[in-house]
Each structure stands twice: as structure tokens, then as C-alpha cells.
């Protein structure tokens, strides 16, 4: 199993972020092939960091190879390109990690 984890910090425009993220960006991301499960979690509290984390998203894939293949698809590229549109609501680009 492999996961793509995306961490968003507190947005500069929370209402705009919520609307755009859940109605435009997330539907794009859900089109990425081979996603076995998607979870979105709001951060209630963080410790031992200066980051003001707001939202965690996990995209789960069966294998690291299937994750990597999926990231090369047009659907994934469209999602990455859409980050530029999402940035008007954020202070910082999201933190993205791949884990096994």
C-alpha cells in the first residue's frame, strides 16, 4: 500500500478555500486513476510544530508503482496544474508526501 498525503496550512481565505477545494479541486483529484480510498480530515490541534495545519488529505493506492503511474496521467497533471488556482486562497503551497 502507498499513500499520497497532502497537508494544507490554514488558508488566507477560509470560505474561498472551502468552496474551491471541495467543489473544484477535490473532484479533479478524485478522477486520478487507481485511487483505492480518499480521506479528508480537518486538523483540530497540532503539537511540536510551528505550522498552522488545517486539512490533511490521503489518497491511497494499492502499490507504490500504481501511485507513481497514476501521477503521470493527464488527470493527475490537471490536478497539479489546478494548484495554481487554489493558491489565491492559501499562504503556502501544500506539503505533499508519498509514504508506504
PDB file of N, CA and C in Angstrom:
ATOM      1  N   UNK A   1       0.839  -1.178   0.000  1.00  0.00           N
ATOM      2  CA  UNK A   1       0.000   0.000   0.000  1.00  0.00           C
ATOM      3  C   UNK A   1       0.882   1.239   0.000  1.00  0.00           C
ATOM      4  N   UNK A   2       0.464   2.261  -0.727  1.00  0.00           N
ATOM      5  CA  UNK A   2       1.162   3.538  -0.770  1.00  0.00           C
ATOM      6  C   UNK A   2       0.125   4.654  -0.684  1.00  0.00           C
ATOM      7  N   UNK A   3       0.552   5.767  -0.103  1.00  0.00           N
ATOM      8  CA  UNK A   3      -0.363   6.901   0.056  1.00  0.00           C
ATOM      9  C   UNK A   3       0.312   8.186  -0.398  1.00  0.00           C
ATOM     10  N   UNK A   4      -0.496   9.036  -0.974  1.00  0.00           N
ATOM     11  CA  UNK A   4      -0.114  10.405  -1.256  1.00  0.00           C
ATOM     12  C   UNK A   4      -0.805  11.231  -0.180  1.00  0.00           C
ATOM     13  N   UNK A   5      -0.020  11.922   0.633  1.00  0.00           N
ATOM     14  CA  UNK A   5      -0.578  12.719   1.728  1.00  0.00           C
ATOM     15  C   UNK A   5      -0.329  14.189   1.420  1.00  0.00           C
ATOM     16  N   UNK A   6      -1.399  14.969   1.456  1.00  0.00           N
ATOM     17  CA  UNK A   6      -1.327  16.403   1.181  1.00  0.00           C
ATOM     18  C   UNK A   6      -1.769  17.138   2.437  1.00  0.00           C
ATOM     19  N   UNK A   7      -0.929  18.064   2.901  1.00  0.00           N
ATOM     20  CA  UNK A   7      -1.215  18.824   4.113  1.00  0.00           C
ATOM     21  C   UNK A   7      -1.328  20.304   3.759  1.00  0.00           C
ATOM     22  N   UNK A   8      -2.451  20.874   4.090  1.00  0.00           N
ATOM     23  CA  UNK A   8      -2.697  22.292   3.845  1.00  0.00           C
ATOM     24  C   UNK A   8      -2.617  23.052   5.149  1.00  0.00           C
ATOM     25  N   UNK A   9      -1.969  24.210   5.100  1.00  0.00           N
ATOM     26  CA  UNK A   9      -1.961  25.100   6.260  1.00  0.00           C
ATOM     27  C   UNK A   9      -3.230  25.957   6.227  1.00  0.00           C
ATOM     28  N   UNK A  10      -3.477  26.637   7.328  1.00  0.00           N
ATOM     29  CA  UNK A  10      -4.654  27.499   7.445  1.00  0.00           C
ATOM     30  C   UNK A  10      -4.702  28.444   6.246  1.00  0.00           C
ATOM     31  N   UNK A  11      -5.811  28.458   5.508  1.00  0.00           N
ATOM     32  CA  UNK A  11      -5.899  29.331   4.326  1.00  0.00           C
ATOM     33  C   UNK A  11      -6.004  30.812   4.693  1.00  0.00           C
ATOM     34  N   UNK A  12      -5.618  31.661   3.765  1.00  0.00           N
ATOM     35  CA  UNK A  12      -5.791  33.109   3.965  1.00  0.00           C
ATOM     36  C   UNK A  12      -7.262  33.491   3.803  1.00  0.00           C
ATOM     37  N   UNK A  13      -7.986  32.744   2.973  1.00  0.00           N
ATOM     38  CA  UNK A  13      -9.424  32.944   2.746  1.00  0.00           C
ATOM     39  C   UNK A  13     -10.096  31.584   2.944  1.00  0.00           C
ATOM     40  N   UNK A  14     -10.524  31.328   4.164  1.00  0.00           N
ATOM     41  CA  UNK A  14     -11.068  30.014   4.507  1.00  0.00           C
ATOM     42  C   UNK A  14     -12.333  29.690   3.721  1.00  0.00           C
ATOM     43  N   UNK A  15     -13.258  30.619   3.609  1.00  0.00           N
ATOM     44  CA  UNK A  15     -14.504  30.357   2.880  1.00  0.00           C
ATOM     45  C   UNK A  15     -14.230  30.101   1.394  1.00  0.00           C
ATOM     46  N   UNK A  16     -13.349  30.913   0.801  1.00  0.00           N
ATOM     47  CA  UNK A  16     -12.993  30.716  -0.603  1.00  0.00           C
ATOM     48  C   UNK A  16     -12.293  29.385  -0.810  1.00  0.00           C
ATOM     49  N   UNK A  17     -11.382  29.031   0.098  1.00  0.00           N
ATOM     50  CA  UNK A  17     -10.683  27.758   0.008  1.00  0.00           C
ATOM     51  C   UNK A  17     -11.666  26.600   0.079  1.00  0.00           C
ATOM     52  N   UNK A  18     -12.552  26.637   1.066  1.00  0.00           N
ATOM     53  CA  UNK A  18     -13.525  25.554   1.254  1.00  0.00           C
ATOM     54  C   UNK A  18     -14.366  25.366  -0.014  1.00  0.00           C
ATOM     55  N   UNK A  19     -14.862  26.455  -0.553  1.00  0.00           N
ATOM     56  CA  UNK A  19     -15.713  26.363  -1.743  1.00  0.00           C
ATOM     57  C   UNK A  19     -14.924  25.807  -2.928  1.00  0.00           C
ATOM     58  N   UNK A  20     -13.756  26.385  -3.185  1.00  0.00           N
ATOM     59  CA  UNK A  20     -12.985  25.948  -4.345  1.00  0.00           C
ATOM     60  C   UNK A  20     -12.465  24.532  -4.149  1.00  0.00           C
ATOM     61  N   UNK A  21     -11.928  24.243  -2.985  1.00  0.00           N
ATOM     62  CA  UNK A  21     -11.335  22.927  -2.748  1.00  0.00           C
ATOM     63  C   UNK A  21     -12.361  21.808  -2.917  1.00  0.00           C
ATOM     64  N   UNK A  22     -13.502  21.942  -2.228  1.00  0.00           N
ATOM     65  CA  UNK A  22     -14.463  20.839  -2.221  1.00  0.00           C
ATOM     66  C   UNK A  22     -15.328  20.758  -3.486  1.00  0.00           C
ATOM     67  N   UNK A  23     -15.464  21.868  -4.210  1.00  0.00           N
ATOM     68  CA  UNK A  23     -16.326  21.849  -5.394  1.00  0.00           C
ATOM     69  C   UNK A  23     -15.568  21.785  -6.717  1.00  0.00           C
ATOM     70  N   UNK A  24     -14.279  22.107  -6.696  1.00  0.00           N
ATOM     71  CA  UNK A  24     -13.499  22.096  -7.937  1.00  0.00           C
ATOM     72  C   UNK A  24     -12.267  21.190  -7.814  1.00  0.00           C
ATOM     73  N   UNK A  25     -11.392  21.486  -6.855  1.00  0.00           N
ATOM     74  CA  UNK A  25     -10.108  20.778  -6.783  1.00  0.00           C
ATOM     75  C   UNK A  25     -10.255  19.306  -6.398  1.00  0.00           C
ATOM     76  N   UNK A  26     -10.993  19.023  -5.357  1.00  0.00           N
ATOM     77  CA  UNK A  26     -11.147  17.628  -4.931  1.00  0.00           C
ATOM     78  C   UNK A  26     -11.835  16.764  -5.996  1.00  0.00           C
ATOM     79  N   UNK A  27     -12.881  17.255  -6.660  1.00  0.00           N
ATOM     80  CA  UNK A  27     -13.450  16.452  -7.751  1.00  0.00           C
ATOM     81  C   UNK A  27     -12.436  16.147  -8.862  1.00  0.00           C
ATOM     82  N   UNK A  28     -11.521  17.080  -9.141  1.00  0.00           N
ATOM     83  CA  UNK A  28     -10.452  16.805 -10.110  1.00  0.00           C
ATOM     84  C   UNK A  28      -9.555  15.685  -9.601  1.00  0.00           C
ATOM     85  N   UNK A  29      -9.161  15.780  -8.339  1.00  0.00           N
ATOM     86  CA  UNK A  29      -8.262  14.778  -7.757  1.00  0.00           C
ATOM     87  C   UNK A  29      -8.899  13.393  -7.744  1.00  0.00           C
ATOM     88  N   UNK A  30     -10.182  13.333  -7.521  1.00  0.00           N
ATOM     89  CA  UNK A  30     -10.858  12.035  -7.464  1.00  0.00           C
ATOM     90  C   UNK A  30     -10.894  11.327  -8.819  1.00  0.00           C
ATOM     91  N   UNK A  31     -10.566  12.046  -9.893  1.00  0.00           N
ATOM     92  CA  UNK A  31     -10.509  11.449 -11.223  1.00  0.00           C
ATOM     93  C   UNK A  31      -9.177  10.746 -11.495  1.00  0.00           C
ATOM     94  N   UNK A  32      -8.207  10.928 -10.604  1.00  0.00           N
ATOM     95  CA  UNK A  32      -6.912  10.272 -10.783  1.00  0.00           C
ATOM     96  C   UNK A  32      -7.133   8.764 -10.721  1.00  0.00           C
ATOM     97  N   UNK A  33      -6.628   8.027 -11.693  1.00  0.00           N
ATOM     98  CA  UNK A  33      -6.861   6.580 -11.725  1.00  0.00           C
ATOM     99  C   UNK A  33      -6.208   5.850 -10.547  1.00  0.00           C
ATOM    100  N   UNK A  34      -6.786   4.711 -10.215  1.00  0.00           N
ATOM    101  CA  UNK A  34      -6.242   3.748  -9.259  1.00  0.00           C
ATOM    102  C   UNK A  34      -6.320   4.165  -7.792  1.00  0.00           C
ATOM    103  N   UNK A  35      -7.057   5.219  -7.476  1.00  0.00           N
ATOM    104  CA  UNK A  35      -7.225   5.578  -6.068  1.00  0.00           C
ATOM    105  C   UNK A  35      -8.136   4.537  -5.431  1.00  0.00           C
ATOM    106  N   UNK A  36      -7.642   3.922  -4.372  1.00  0.00           N
ATOM    107  CA  UNK A  36      -8.427   2.910  -3.665  1.00  0.00           C
ATOM    108  C   UNK A  36      -9.297   3.548  -2.583  1.00  0.00           C
ATOM    109  N   UNK A  37      -8.789   4.617  -1.988  1.00  0.00           N
ATOM    110  CA  UNK A  37      -9.546   5.307  -0.940  1.00  0.00           C
ATOM    111  C   UNK A  37      -9.044   6.736  -0.837  1.00  0.00           C
ATOM    112  N   UNK A  38      -9.950   7.629  -0.552  1.00  0.00           N
ATOM    113  CA  UNK A  38      -9.618   9.047  -0.347  1.00  0.00           C
ATOM    114  C   UNK A  38     -10.212   9.463   0.987  1.00  0.00           C
ATOM    115  N   UNK A  39      -9.405  10.107   1.817  1.00  0.00           N
ATOM    116  CA  UNK A  39      -9.922  10.650   3.077  1.00  0.00           C
ATOM    117  C   UNK A  39      -9.466  12.093   3.218  1.00  0.00           C
ATOM    118  N   UNK A  40     -10.347  12.897   3.731  1.00  0.00           N
ATOM    119  CA  UNK A  40     -10.056  14.301   4.017  1.00  0.00           C
ATOM    120  C   UNK A  40     -10.361  14.524   5.481  1.00  0.00           C
ATOM    121  N   UNK A  41      -9.390  15.095   6.195  1.00  0.00           N
ATOM    122  CA  UNK A  41      -9.541  15.300   7.632  1.00  0.00           C
ATOM    123  C   UNK A  41      -9.166  16.722   7.999  1.00  0.00           C
ATOM    124  N   UNK A  42      -9.996  17.339   8.818  1.00  0.00           N
ATOM    125  CA  UNK A  42      -9.697  18.684   9.324  1.00  0.00           C
ATOM    126  C   UNK A  42      -8.810  18.543  10.562  1.00  0.00           C
ATOM    127  N   UNK A  43      -7.816  19.389  10.641  1.00  0.00           N
ATOM    128  CA  UNK A  43      -6.902  19.370  11.778  1.00  0.00           C
ATOM    129  C   UNK A  43      -7.536  20.160  12.921  1.00  0.00           C
ATOM    130  N   UNK A  44      -7.642  19.500  14.058  1.00  0.00           N
ATOM    131  CA  UNK A  44      -8.205  20.138  15.252  1.00  0.00           C
ATOM    132  C   UNK A  44      -7.105  20.788  16.072  1.00  0.00           C
ATOM    133  N   UNK A  45      -5.982  20.083  16.181  1.00  0.00           N
ATOM    134  CA  UNK A  45      -4.886  20.575  17.013  1.00  0.00           C
ATOM    135  C   UNK A  45      -3.583  19.977  16.519  1.00  0.00           C
ATOM    136  N   UNK A  46      -2.503  20.743  16.595  1.00  0.00           N
ATOM    137  CA  UNK A  46      -1.175  20.219  16.289  1.00  0.00           C
ATOM    138  C   UNK A  46      -0.252  20.512  17.461  1.00  0.00           C
ATOM    139  N   UNK A  47       0.764  19.707  17.574  1.00  0.00           N
ATOM    140  CA  UNK A  47       1.769  19.895  18.619  1.00  0.00           C
ATOM    141  C   UNK A  47       3.149  19.751  18.002  1.00  0.00           C
ATOM    142  N   UNK A  48       4.112  20.407  18.605  1.00  0.00           N
ATOM    143  CA  UNK A  48       5.519  20.286  18.215  1.00  0.00           C
ATOM    144  C   UNK A  48       5.805  20.769  16.802  1.00  0.00           C
ATOM    145  N   UNK A  49       5.067  21.750  16.348  1.00  0.00           N
ATOM    146  CA  UNK A  49       5.318  22.354  15.038  1.00  0.00           C
ATOM    147  C   UNK A  49       4.868  23.806  15.052  1.00  0.00           C
ATOM    148  N   UNK A  50       5.492  24.595  14.211  1.00  0.00           N
ATOM    149  CA  UNK A  50       5.075  25.989  14.039  1.00  0.00           C
ATOM    150  C   UNK A  50       4.055  26.120  12.912  1.00  0.00           C
ATOM    151  N   UNK A  51       3.812  25.027  12.184  1.00  0.00           N
ATOM    152  CA  UNK A  51       2.851  25.062  11.097  1.00  0.00           C
ATOM    153  C   UNK A  51       1.435  25.122  11.652  1.00  0.00           C
ATOM    154  N   UNK A  52       0.613  25.923  11.029  1.00  0.00           N
ATOM    155  CA  UNK A  52      -0.794  26.030  11.413  1.00  0.00           C
ATOM    156  C   UNK A  52      -1.594  25.152  10.445  1.00  0.00           C
ATOM    157  N   UNK A  53      -1.529  23.839  10.659  1.00  0.00           N
ATOM    158  CA  UNK A  53      -2.145  22.886   9.738  1.00  0.00           C
ATOM    159  C   UNK A  53      -3.661  22.945   9.814  1.00  0.00           C
ATOM    160  N   UNK A  54      -4.284  22.787   8.663  1.00  0.00           N
ATOM    161  CA  UNK A  54      -5.728  22.959   8.526  1.00  0.00           C
ATOM    162  C   UNK A  54      -6.439  21.712   8.005  1.00  0.00           C
ATOM    163  N   UNK A  55      -5.843  21.067   6.984  1.00  0.00           N
ATOM    164  CA  UNK A  55      -6.515  19.965   6.312  1.00  0.00           C
ATOM    165  C   UNK A  55      -5.474  18.934   5.871  1.00  0.00           C
ATOM    166  N   UNK A  56      -5.793  17.652   6.102  1.00  0.00           N
ATOM    167  CA  UNK A  56      -4.975  16.528   5.622  1.00  0.00           C
ATOM    168  C   UNK A  56      -5.808  15.762   4.612  1.00  0.00           C
ATOM    169  N   UNK A  57      -5.193  15.396   3.507  1.00  0.00           N
ATOM    170  CA  UNK A  57      -5.859  14.580   2.505  1.00  0.00           C
ATOM    171  C   UNK A  57      -4.970  13.369   2.234  1.00  0.00           C
ATOM    172  N   UNK A  58      -5.562  12.192   2.220  1.00  0.00           N
ATOM    173  CA  UNK A  58      -4.834  10.972   1.896  1.00  0.00           C
ATOM    174  C   UNK A  58      -5.474  10.315   0.683  1.00  0.00           C
ATOM    175  N   UNK A  59      -4.653  10.042  -0.313  1.00  0.00           N
ATOM    176  CA  UNK A  59      -5.074   9.262  -1.470  1.00  0.00           C
ATOM    177  C   UNK A  59      -4.329   7.941  -1.390  1.00  0.00           C
ATOM    178  N   UNK A  60      -5.059   6.864  -1.246  1.00  0.00           N
ATOM    179  CA  UNK A  60      -4.464   5.545  -1.043  1.00  0.00           C
ATOM    180  C   UNK A  60      -4.461   4.751  -2.346  1.00  0.00           C
ATOM    181  N   UNK A  61      -3.322   4.111  -2.623  1.00  0.00           N
ATOM    182  CA  UNK A  61      -3.135   3.294  -3.808  1.00  0.00           C
ATOM    183  C   UNK A  61      -2.671   1.903  -3.379  1.00  0.00           C
ATOM    184  N   UNK A  62      -2.903   0.924  -4.219  1.00  0.00           N
ATOM    185  CA  UNK A  62      -2.548  -0.445  -3.866  1.00  0.00           C
ATOM    186  C   UNK A  62      -1.035  -0.631  -3.715  1.00  0.00           C
ATOM    187  N   UNK A  63      -0.270  -0.014  -4.625  1.00  0.00           N
ATOM    188  CA  UNK A  63       1.197  -0.146  -4.581  1.00  0.00           C
ATOM    189  C   UNK A  63       1.842   1.201  -4.892  1.00  0.00           C
ATOM    190  N   UNK A  64       3.122   1.294  -4.559  1.00  0.00           N
ATOM    191  CA  UNK A  64       3.877   2.488  -4.903  1.00  0.00           C
ATOM    192  C   UNK A  64       3.945   2.645  -6.422  1.00  0.00           C
ATOM    193  N   UNK A  65       4.086   1.536  -7.126  1.00  0.00           N
ATOM    194  CA  UNK A  65       4.132   1.581  -8.587  1.00  0.00           C
ATOM    195  C   UNK A  65       2.830   2.134  -9.170  1.00  0.00           C
ATOM    196  N   UNK A  66       1.684   1.706  -8.652  1.00  0.00           N
ATOM    197  CA  UNK A  66       0.411   2.216  -9.174  1.00  0.00           C
ATOM    198  C   UNK A  66       0.238   3.696  -8.836  1.00  0.00           C
ATOM    199  N   UNK A  67       0.740   4.126  -7.674  1.00  0.00           N
ATOM    200  CA  UNK A  67       0.698   5.549  -7.329  1.00  0.00           C
ATOM    201  C   UNK A  67       1.535   6.337  -8.335  1.00  0.00           C
ATOM    202  N   UNK A  68       2.745   5.896  -8.572  1.00  0.00           N
ATOM    203  CA  UNK A  68       3.628   6.603  -9.491  1.00  0.00           C
ATOM    204  C   UNK A  68       3.065   6.635 -10.913  1.00  0.00           C
ATOM    205  N   UNK A  69       2.485   5.537 -11.359  1.00  0.00           N
ATOM    206  CA  UNK A  69       1.860   5.511 -12.681  1.00  0.00           C
ATOM    207  C   UNK A  69       0.681   6.476 -12.739  1.00  0.00           C
ATOM    208  N   UNK A  70      -0.084   6.527 -11.673  1.00  0.00           N
ATOM    209  CA  UNK A  70      -1.250   7.409 -11.631  1.00  0.00           C
ATOM    210  C   UNK A  70      -0.849   8.875 -11.664  1.00  0.00           C
ATOM    211  N   UNK A  71       0.269   9.213 -11.031  1.00  0.00           N
ATOM    212  CA  UNK A  71       0.732  10.603 -11.022  1.00  0.00           C
ATOM    213  C   UNK A  71       1.182  11.077 -12.401  1.00  0.00           C
ATOM    214  N   UNK A  72       1.443  10.148 -13.305  1.00  0.00           N
ATOM    215  CA  UNK A  72       1.872  10.503 -14.664  1.00  0.00           C
ATOM    216  C   UNK A  72       0.691  10.684 -15.622  1.00  0.00           C
ATOM    217  N   UNK A  73      -0.524  10.485 -15.145  1.00  0.00           N
ATOM    218  CA  UNK A  73      -1.693  10.559 -16.019  1.00  0.00           C
ATOM    219  C   UNK A  73      -2.139  12.001 -16.255  1.00  0.00           C
ATOM    220  N   UNK A  74      -2.899  12.241 -17.312  1.00  0.00           N
ATOM    221  CA  UNK A  74      -3.448  13.577 -17.555  1.00  0.00           C
ATOM    222  C   UNK A  74      -4.334  14.060 -16.398  1.00  0.00           C
ATOM    223  N   UNK A  75      -5.055  13.153 -15.759  1.00  0.00           N
ATOM    224  CA  UNK A  75      -5.924  13.540 -14.644  1.00  0.00           C
ATOM    225  C   UNK A  75      -5.104  14.078 -13.471  1.00  0.00           C
ATOM    226  N   UNK A  76      -3.986  13.433 -13.179  1.00  0.00           N
ATOM    227  CA  UNK A  76      -3.125  13.910 -12.095  1.00  0.00           C
ATOM    228  C   UNK A  76      -2.463  15.229 -12.477  1.00  0.00           C
ATOM    229  N   UNK A  77      -2.032  15.342 -13.724  1.00  0.00           N
ATOM    230  CA  UNK A  77      -1.409  16.582 -14.181  1.00  0.00           C
ATOM    231  C   UNK A  77      -2.396  17.755 -14.122  1.00  0.00           C
ATOM    232  N   UNK A  78      -3.655  17.504 -14.436  1.00  0.00           N
ATOM    233  CA  UNK A  78      -4.679  18.548 -14.353  1.00  0.00           C
ATOM    234  C   UNK A  78      -4.886  18.976 -12.902  1.00  0.00           C
ATOM    235  N   UNK A  79      -4.830  18.020 -11.987  1.00  0.00           N
ATOM    236  CA  UNK A  79      -4.982  18.336 -10.560  1.00  0.00           C
ATOM    237  C   UNK A  79      -3.811  19.178 -10.075  1.00  0.00           C
ATOM    238  N   UNK A  80      -2.597  18.805 -10.459  1.00  0.00           N
ATOM    239  CA  UNK A  80      -1.402  19.570 -10.070  1.00  0.00           C
ATOM    240  C   UNK A  80      -1.478  20.980 -10.652  1.00  0.00           C
ATOM    241  N   UNK A  81      -1.875  21.102 -11.900  1.00  0.00           N
ATOM    242  CA  UNK A  81      -1.983  22.417 -12.536  1.00  0.00           C
ATOM    243  C   UNK A  81      -3.017  23.288 -11.835  1.00  0.00           C
ATOM    244  N   UNK A  82      -4.059  22.665 -11.303  1.00  0.00           N
ATOM    245  CA  UNK A  82      -5.111  23.418 -10.623  1.00  0.00           C
ATOM    246  C   UNK A  82      -4.644  23.998  -9.289  1.00  0.00           C
ATOM    247  N   UNK A  83      -3.525  23.538  -8.766  1.00  0.00           N
ATOM    248  CA  UNK A  83      -2.992  24.121  -7.528  1.00  0.00           C
ATOM    249  C   UNK A  83      -2.766  25.623  -7.684  1.00  0.00           C
ATOM    250  N   UNK A  84      -2.388  26.058  -8.882  1.00  0.00           N
ATOM    251  CA  UNK A  84      -2.192  27.493  -9.106  1.00  0.00           C
ATOM    252  C   UNK A  84      -3.480  28.261  -8.840  1.00  0.00           C
ATOM    253  N   UNK A  85      -4.630  27.700  -9.208  1.00  0.00           N
ATOM    254  CA  UNK A  85      -5.917  28.357  -8.944  1.00  0.00           C
ATOM    255  C   UNK A  85      -6.243  28.348  -7.456  1.00  0.00           C
ATOM    256  N   UNK A  86      -5.859  27.296  -6.767  1.00  0.00           N
ATOM    257  CA  UNK A  86      -6.120  27.166  -5.335  1.00  0.00           C
ATOM    258  C   UNK A  86      -5.251  28.119  -4.508  1.00  0.00           C
ATOM    259  N   UNK A  87      -4.109  28.506  -5.055  1.00  0.00           N
ATOM    260  CA  UNK A  87      -3.152  29.333  -4.309  1.00  0.00           C
ATOM    261  C   UNK A  87      -3.687  30.695  -3.920  1.00  0.00           C
ATOM    262  N   UNK A  88      -4.675  31.211  -4.620  1.00  0.00           N
ATOM    263  CA  UNK A  88      -5.192  32.527  -4.231  1.00  0.00           C
ATOM    264  C   UNK A  88      -5.868  32.487  -2.863  1.00  0.00           C
ATOM    265  N   UNK A  89      -6.166  31.294  -2.369  1.00  0.00           N
ATOM    266  CA  UNK A  89      -6.794  31.142  -1.058  1.00  0.00           C
ATOM    267  C   UNK A  89      -5.805  30.750   0.037  1.00  0.00           C
ATOM    268  N   UNK A  90      -4.557  30.454  -0.352  1.00  0.00           N
ATOM    269  CA  UNK A  90      -3.563  29.925   0.580  1.00  0.00           C
ATOM    270  C   UNK A  90      -2.394  30.881   0.760  1.00  0.00           C
ATOM    271  N   UNK A  91      -1.712  30.748   1.896  1.00  0.00           N
ATOM    272  CA  UNK A  91      -0.457  31.465   2.126  1.00  0.00           C
ATOM    273  C   UNK A  91       0.715  30.698   1.521  1.00  0.00           C
ATOM    274  N   UNK A  92       0.651  29.354   1.612  1.00  0.00           N
ATOM    275  CA  UNK A  92       1.759  28.492   1.194  1.00  0.00           C
ATOM    276  C   UNK A  92       1.233  27.323   0.369  1.00  0.00           C
ATOM    277  N   UNK A  93       2.077  26.814  -0.515  1.00  0.00           N
ATOM    278  CA  UNK A  93       1.726  25.612  -1.262  1.00  0.00           C
ATOM    279  C   UNK A  93       1.580  24.454  -0.270  1.00  0.00           C
ATOM    280  N   UNK A  94       0.749  23.488  -0.582  1.00  0.00           N
ATOM    281  CA  UNK A  94       0.585  22.360   0.343  1.00  0.00           C
ATOM    282  C   UNK A  94       1.856  21.513   0.430  1.00  0.00           C
ATOM    283  N   UNK A  95       1.985  20.838   1.558  1.00  0.00           N
ATOM    284  CA  UNK A  95       3.071  19.896   1.768  1.00  0.00           C
ATOM    285  C   UNK A  95       2.580  18.555   1.226  1.00  0.00           C
ATOM    286  N   UNK A  96       3.377  17.929   0.368  1.00  0.00           N
ATOM    287  CA  UNK A  96       2.957  16.676  -0.254  1.00  0.00           C
ATOM    288  C   UNK A  96       4.011  15.611   0.058  1.00  0.00           C
ATOM    289  N   UNK A  97       3.545  14.480   0.566  1.00  0.00           N
ATOM    290  CA  UNK A  97       4.428  13.366   0.895  1.00  0.00           C
ATOM    291  C   UNK A  97       3.879  12.091   0.290  1.00  0.00           C
ATOM    292  N   UNK A  98       4.781  11.207  -0.098  1.00  0.00           N
ATOM    293  CA  UNK A  98       4.419   9.859  -0.541  1.00  0.00           C
ATOM    294  C   UNK A  98       4.974   8.911   0.517  1.00  0.00           C
ATOM    295  N   UNK A  99       4.109   8.040   1.012  1.00  0.00           N
ATOM    296  CA  UNK A  99       4.521   7.089   2.053  1.00  0.00           C
ATOM    297  C   UNK A  99       4.100   5.672   1.660  1.00  0.00           C
ATOM    298  N   UNK A 100       4.836   4.725   2.212  1.00  0.00           N
ATOM    299  CA  UNK A 100       4.491   3.317   2.004  1.00  0.00           C
ATOM    300  C   UNK A 100       4.038   2.722   3.311  1.00  0.00           C
TER     301      UNK A 100
END
